[in-house]
Amino acid sequence: MDTLSRLEAAIAQRRAASPDSSYVAKLNARGLPKICEKVGEEATETVIAALSGSDKELTGEAADLVFHLMVLLGAKDIPLADVLAELDRREGTSGLEEKAARKTEQ
């Protein structure tokens, strides 16, 4: 089992824990808006670290962002496998082509 799969399993397990003993359970108890706020905060901190921090700071912030994104996916019952399948689907497609295709689908 790879790192992200282990993380996904740990997050799923911790969602059922007491909010007093688990950060993941506490975030979920506070609801989707709080989880989304944390993802936004971590994304901002990642950008700041990329622009003005050290490589170590960026690595830490990127890990925080991935973690909180995984908490969000779990809260929405979206398996990591679905995200990976979407990335696989996009593989080999130009980012510009992929973005244009999304606009025509809307």
N, C-alpha and C. Protein backbone atom coordinates (compact mmCIF):
# COMPACT_ATOMS: atom_id res chain seq x y z
N MET A 1 0.86 -1.18 0.00
CA MET A 1 0.00 0.00 0.00
C MET A 1 0.90 1.24 0.00
N ASP A 2 0.60 2.19 -0.86
CA ASP A 2 1.44 3.38 -0.95
C ASP A 2 1.03 4.43 0.09
N THR A 3 1.80 5.48 0.18
CA THR A 3 1.60 6.51 1.20
C THR A 3 0.20 7.12 1.14
N LEU A 4 -0.26 7.51 -0.04
CA LEU A 4 -1.57 8.15 -0.14
C LEU A 4 -2.69 7.18 0.20
N SER A 5 -2.55 5.92 -0.15
CA SER A 5 -3.57 4.93 0.21
C SER A 5 -3.61 4.73 1.72
N ARG A 6 -2.44 4.68 2.35
CA ARG A 6 -2.40 4.56 3.82
C ARG A 6 -3.02 5.79 4.47
N LEU A 7 -2.73 6.96 3.93
CA LEU A 7 -3.30 8.19 4.47
C LEU A 7 -4.82 8.18 4.32
N GLU A 8 -5.30 7.78 3.18
CA GLU A 8 -6.74 7.71 2.95
C GLU A 8 -7.40 6.78 3.97
N ALA A 9 -6.80 5.63 4.22
CA ALA A 9 -7.35 4.67 5.18
C ALA A 9 -7.32 5.25 6.60
N ALA A 10 -6.23 5.91 6.96
CA ALA A 10 -6.12 6.49 8.30
C ALA A 10 -7.16 7.59 8.49
N ILE A 11 -7.37 8.42 7.48
CA ILE A 11 -8.36 9.49 7.57
C ILE A 11 -9.75 8.90 7.73
N ALA A 12 -10.07 7.86 6.96
CA ALA A 12 -11.38 7.21 7.08
C ALA A 12 -11.59 6.66 8.48
N GLN A 13 -10.56 6.05 9.03
CA GLN A 13 -10.64 5.48 10.38
C GLN A 13 -10.83 6.60 11.42
N ARG A 14 -10.09 7.67 11.27
CA ARG A 14 -10.13 8.75 12.25
C ARG A 14 -11.42 9.56 12.19
N ARG A 15 -12.09 9.55 11.06
CA ARG A 15 -13.37 10.26 10.95
C ARG A 15 -14.37 9.72 11.96
N ALA A 16 -14.26 8.43 12.28
CA ALA A 16 -15.20 7.80 13.21
C ALA A 16 -14.79 7.97 14.67
N ALA A 17 -13.64 8.55 14.92
CA ALA A 17 -13.15 8.73 16.29
C ALA A 17 -13.85 9.90 16.96
N SER A 18 -13.56 10.09 18.22
CA SER A 18 -14.09 11.22 18.96
C SER A 18 -13.36 12.50 18.54
N PRO A 19 -14.10 13.59 18.35
CA PRO A 19 -13.45 14.85 18.03
C PRO A 19 -12.47 15.32 19.13
N ASP A 20 -12.63 14.78 20.33
CA ASP A 20 -11.71 15.12 21.42
C ASP A 20 -10.35 14.44 21.26
N SER A 21 -10.32 13.37 20.47
CA SER A 21 -9.06 12.61 20.35
C SER A 21 -8.48 12.60 18.94
N SER A 22 -9.18 13.19 17.97
CA SER A 22 -8.72 13.13 16.58
C SER A 22 -8.95 14.47 15.88
N TYR A 23 -7.88 14.98 15.29
CA TYR A 23 -7.98 16.22 14.51
C TYR A 23 -8.91 16.03 13.32
N VAL A 24 -8.82 14.89 12.65
CA VAL A 24 -9.68 14.62 11.49
C VAL A 24 -11.14 14.59 11.93
N ALA A 25 -11.43 13.92 13.03
CA ALA A 25 -12.81 13.87 13.53
C ALA A 25 -13.30 15.26 13.92
N LYS A 26 -12.41 16.05 14.53
CA LYS A 26 -12.77 17.41 14.92
C LYS A 26 -13.10 18.26 13.69
N LEU A 27 -12.27 18.17 12.65
CA LEU A 27 -12.54 18.91 11.41
C LEU A 27 -13.88 18.49 10.81
N ASN A 28 -14.12 17.19 10.75
CA ASN A 28 -15.38 16.71 10.18
C ASN A 28 -16.57 17.14 11.01
N ALA A 29 -16.41 17.16 12.33
CA ALA A 29 -17.51 17.60 13.20
C ALA A 29 -17.84 19.07 12.96
N ARG A 30 -16.85 19.84 12.59
CA ARG A 30 -17.06 21.28 12.34
C ARG A 30 -17.69 21.52 10.97
N GLY A 31 -17.71 20.51 10.12
CA GLY A 31 -18.44 20.60 8.86
C GLY A 31 -17.59 20.93 7.64
N LEU A 32 -18.23 20.76 6.51
CA LEU A 32 -17.57 20.96 5.22
C LEU A 32 -17.01 22.38 5.05
N PRO A 33 -17.71 23.43 5.47
CA PRO A 33 -17.13 24.77 5.31
C PRO A 33 -15.78 24.91 6.02
N LYS A 34 -15.63 24.34 7.21
CA LYS A 34 -14.36 24.44 7.94
C LYS A 34 -13.28 23.64 7.22
N ILE A 35 -13.62 22.46 6.71
CA ILE A 35 -12.64 21.66 5.97
C ILE A 35 -12.18 22.44 4.74
N CYS A 36 -13.12 23.03 4.03
CA CYS A 36 -12.77 23.82 2.83
C CYS A 36 -11.91 25.02 3.20
N GLU A 37 -12.21 25.66 4.32
CA GLU A 37 -11.40 26.78 4.79
C GLU A 37 -9.96 26.33 5.03
N LYS A 38 -9.80 25.16 5.65
CA LYS A 38 -8.44 24.64 5.91
C LYS A 38 -7.71 24.34 4.61
N VAL A 39 -8.40 23.78 3.63
CA VAL A 39 -7.76 23.53 2.34
C VAL A 39 -7.29 24.84 1.73
N GLY A 40 -8.13 25.85 1.79
CA GLY A 40 -7.76 27.17 1.27
C GLY A 40 -6.57 27.76 2.00
N GLU A 41 -6.58 27.66 3.32
CA GLU A 41 -5.45 28.17 4.11
C GLU A 41 -4.16 27.47 3.74
N GLU A 42 -4.22 26.15 3.63
CA GLU A 42 -3.02 25.38 3.30
C GLU A 42 -2.54 25.68 1.89
N ALA A 43 -3.48 25.90 0.96
CA ALA A 43 -3.09 26.26 -0.41
C ALA A 43 -2.36 27.60 -0.41
N THR A 44 -2.89 28.56 0.35
CA THR A 44 -2.26 29.87 0.43
C THR A 44 -0.87 29.77 1.06
N GLU A 45 -0.76 28.99 2.14
CA GLU A 45 0.54 28.82 2.79
C GLU A 45 1.54 28.13 1.87
N THR A 46 1.05 27.22 1.03
CA THR A 46 1.92 26.55 0.07
C THR A 46 2.46 27.54 -0.95
N VAL A 47 1.59 28.40 -1.44
CA VAL A 47 2.01 29.43 -2.41
C VAL A 47 3.03 30.38 -1.78
N ILE A 48 2.76 30.81 -0.56
CA ILE A 48 3.69 31.72 0.13
C ILE A 48 5.05 31.04 0.31
N ALA A 49 5.04 29.78 0.72
CA ALA A 49 6.30 29.06 0.90
C ALA A 49 7.04 28.90 -0.42
N ALA A 50 6.29 28.70 -1.50
CA ALA A 50 6.92 28.56 -2.82
C ALA A 50 7.59 29.85 -3.24
N LEU A 51 6.98 30.97 -2.91
CA LEU A 51 7.50 32.27 -3.34
C LEU A 51 8.58 32.82 -2.44
N SER A 52 8.50 32.53 -1.15
CA SER A 52 9.45 33.18 -0.25
C SER A 52 10.06 32.28 0.82
N GLY A 53 9.72 31.02 0.79
CA GLY A 53 10.24 30.12 1.81
C GLY A 53 11.34 29.23 1.28
N SER A 54 11.81 28.40 2.17
CA SER A 54 12.83 27.43 1.79
C SER A 54 12.18 26.20 1.17
N ASP A 55 12.99 25.36 0.58
CA ASP A 55 12.46 24.10 0.03
C ASP A 55 11.81 23.27 1.12
N LYS A 56 12.41 23.28 2.32
CA LYS A 56 11.86 22.52 3.44
C LYS A 56 10.48 23.07 3.83
N GLU A 57 10.32 24.39 3.85
CA GLU A 57 9.02 24.99 4.17
C GLU A 57 7.98 24.62 3.11
N LEU A 58 8.37 24.69 1.86
CA LEU A 58 7.45 24.32 0.79
C LEU A 58 7.04 22.86 0.90
N THR A 59 7.98 21.99 1.19
CA THR A 59 7.67 20.57 1.35
C THR A 59 6.66 20.36 2.47
N GLY A 60 6.87 21.01 3.59
CA GLY A 60 5.95 20.88 4.72
C GLY A 60 4.57 21.40 4.40
N GLU A 61 4.50 22.55 3.76
CA GLU A 61 3.20 23.12 3.40
C GLU A 61 2.49 22.27 2.34
N ALA A 62 3.25 21.73 1.40
CA ALA A 62 2.65 20.86 0.39
C ALA A 62 2.07 19.61 1.05
N ALA A 63 2.77 19.07 2.04
CA ALA A 63 2.25 17.90 2.77
C ALA A 63 0.96 18.26 3.50
N ASP A 64 0.93 19.45 4.13
CA ASP A 64 -0.29 19.89 4.81
C ASP A 64 -1.45 20.03 3.82
N LEU A 65 -1.16 20.58 2.65
CA LEU A 65 -2.19 20.75 1.63
C LEU A 65 -2.74 19.41 1.16
N VAL A 66 -1.86 18.48 0.87
CA VAL A 66 -2.31 17.14 0.43
C VAL A 66 -3.15 16.49 1.52
N PHE A 67 -2.69 16.58 2.77
CA PHE A 67 -3.44 16.00 3.89
C PHE A 67 -4.85 16.58 3.96
N HIS A 68 -4.96 17.90 3.95
CA HIS A 68 -6.28 18.52 4.08
C HIS A 68 -7.15 18.26 2.85
N LEU A 69 -6.55 18.16 1.68
CA LEU A 69 -7.31 17.79 0.50
C LEU A 69 -7.86 16.37 0.65
N MET A 70 -7.06 15.48 1.22
CA MET A 70 -7.52 14.11 1.45
C MET A 70 -8.66 14.08 2.48
N VAL A 71 -8.59 14.94 3.49
CA VAL A 71 -9.70 15.04 4.46
C VAL A 71 -10.96 15.51 3.74
N LEU A 72 -10.82 16.49 2.85
CA LEU A 72 -11.97 16.99 2.09
C LEU A 72 -12.56 15.90 1.20
N LEU A 73 -11.71 15.18 0.49
CA LEU A 73 -12.20 14.10 -0.36
C LEU A 73 -12.95 13.07 0.47
N GLY A 74 -12.40 12.73 1.64
CA GLY A 74 -13.07 11.77 2.51
C GLY A 74 -14.42 12.27 2.99
N ALA A 75 -14.49 13.54 3.34
CA ALA A 75 -15.75 14.13 3.80
C ALA A 75 -16.81 14.10 2.70
N LYS A 76 -16.37 14.20 1.46
CA LYS A 76 -17.29 14.17 0.32
C LYS A 76 -17.48 12.75 -0.25
N ASP A 77 -16.88 11.76 0.43
CA ASP A 77 -16.96 10.35 -0.01
C ASP A 77 -16.45 10.17 -1.44
N ILE A 78 -15.39 10.87 -1.77
CA ILE A 78 -14.75 10.72 -3.08
C ILE A 78 -13.46 9.94 -2.87
N PRO A 79 -13.40 8.72 -3.38
CA PRO A 79 -12.19 7.92 -3.19
C PRO A 79 -11.00 8.52 -3.96
N LEU A 80 -9.84 8.39 -3.36
CA LEU A 80 -8.62 8.82 -4.03
C LEU A 80 -8.49 8.15 -5.40
N ALA A 81 -8.96 6.92 -5.50
CA ALA A 81 -8.90 6.20 -6.77
C ALA A 81 -9.63 6.96 -7.88
N ASP A 82 -10.70 7.67 -7.54
CA ASP A 82 -11.42 8.46 -8.55
C ASP A 82 -10.56 9.62 -9.04
N VAL A 83 -9.83 10.26 -8.13
CA VAL A 83 -8.96 11.37 -8.52
C VAL A 83 -7.82 10.84 -9.38
N LEU A 84 -7.24 9.71 -8.97
CA LEU A 84 -6.15 9.12 -9.74
C LEU A 84 -6.63 8.68 -11.12
N ALA A 85 -7.85 8.16 -11.20
CA ALA A 85 -8.41 7.76 -12.49
C ALA A 85 -8.59 8.97 -13.40
N GLU A 86 -9.00 10.10 -12.81
CA GLU A 86 -9.15 11.32 -13.61
C GLU A 86 -7.80 11.80 -14.11
N LEU A 87 -6.77 11.71 -13.27
CA LEU A 87 -5.43 12.07 -13.73
C LEU A 87 -4.97 11.13 -14.84
N ASP A 88 -5.25 9.84 -14.70
CA ASP A 88 -4.90 8.88 -15.75
C ASP A 88 -5.62 9.23 -17.05
N ARG A 89 -6.90 9.61 -16.94
CA ARG A 89 -7.69 9.95 -18.13
C ARG A 89 -7.07 11.15 -18.85
N ARG A 90 -6.53 12.08 -18.08
CA ARG A 90 -5.96 13.30 -18.66
C ARG A 90 -4.53 13.11 -19.17
N GLU A 91 -3.90 12.01 -18.79
CA GLU A 91 -2.51 11.79 -19.18
C GLU A 91 -2.37 11.79 -20.69
N GLY A 92 -1.38 12.51 -21.15
CA GLY A 92 -1.13 12.58 -22.59
C GLY A 92 -1.94 13.65 -23.30
N THR A 93 -2.81 14.33 -22.55
CA THR A 93 -3.60 15.41 -23.14
C THR A 93 -2.98 16.73 -22.73
N SER A 94 -2.84 17.62 -23.67
CA SER A 94 -2.32 18.94 -23.37
C SER A 94 -3.22 19.62 -22.34
N GLY A 95 -2.61 20.32 -21.41
CA GLY A 95 -3.39 21.06 -20.42
C GLY A 95 -4.30 22.08 -21.07
N LEU A 96 -3.85 22.67 -22.15
CA LEU A 96 -4.69 23.65 -22.86
C LEU A 96 -5.89 22.96 -23.51
N GLU A 97 -5.66 21.78 -24.08
CA GLU A 97 -6.76 21.02 -24.69
C GLU A 97 -7.75 20.57 -23.63
N GLU A 98 -7.25 20.10 -22.50
CA GLU A 98 -8.11 19.62 -21.43
C GLU A 98 -8.97 20.74 -20.89
N LYS A 99 -8.38 21.90 -20.69
CA LYS A 99 -9.13 23.06 -20.19
C LYS A 99 -10.19 23.49 -21.20
N ALA A 100 -9.86 23.50 -22.47
CA ALA A 100 -10.83 23.87 -23.51
C ALA A 100 -11.99 22.88 -23.55
N ALA A 101 -11.68 21.60 -23.37
CA ALA A 101 -12.74 20.58 -23.38
C ALA A 101 -13.70 20.77 -22.22
N ARG A 102 -13.20 21.18 -21.05
CA ARG A 102 -14.07 21.43 -19.90
C ARG A 102 -15.02 22.58 -20.17
N LYS A 103 -14.56 23.59 -20.90
CA LYS A 103 -15.42 24.74 -21.19
C LYS A 103 -16.57 24.35 -22.11
N THR A 104 -16.31 23.43 -23.05
CA THR A 104 -17.38 23.03 -23.97
C THR A 104 -18.37 22.09 -23.31
N GLU A 105 -17.97 21.43 -22.21
CA GLU A 105 -18.87 20.51 -21.49
C GLU A 105 -19.84 21.27 -20.59
N GLN A 106 -19.53 22.50 -20.24
CA GLN A 106 -20.37 23.25 -19.29
C GLN A 106 -21.55 23.87 -19.92
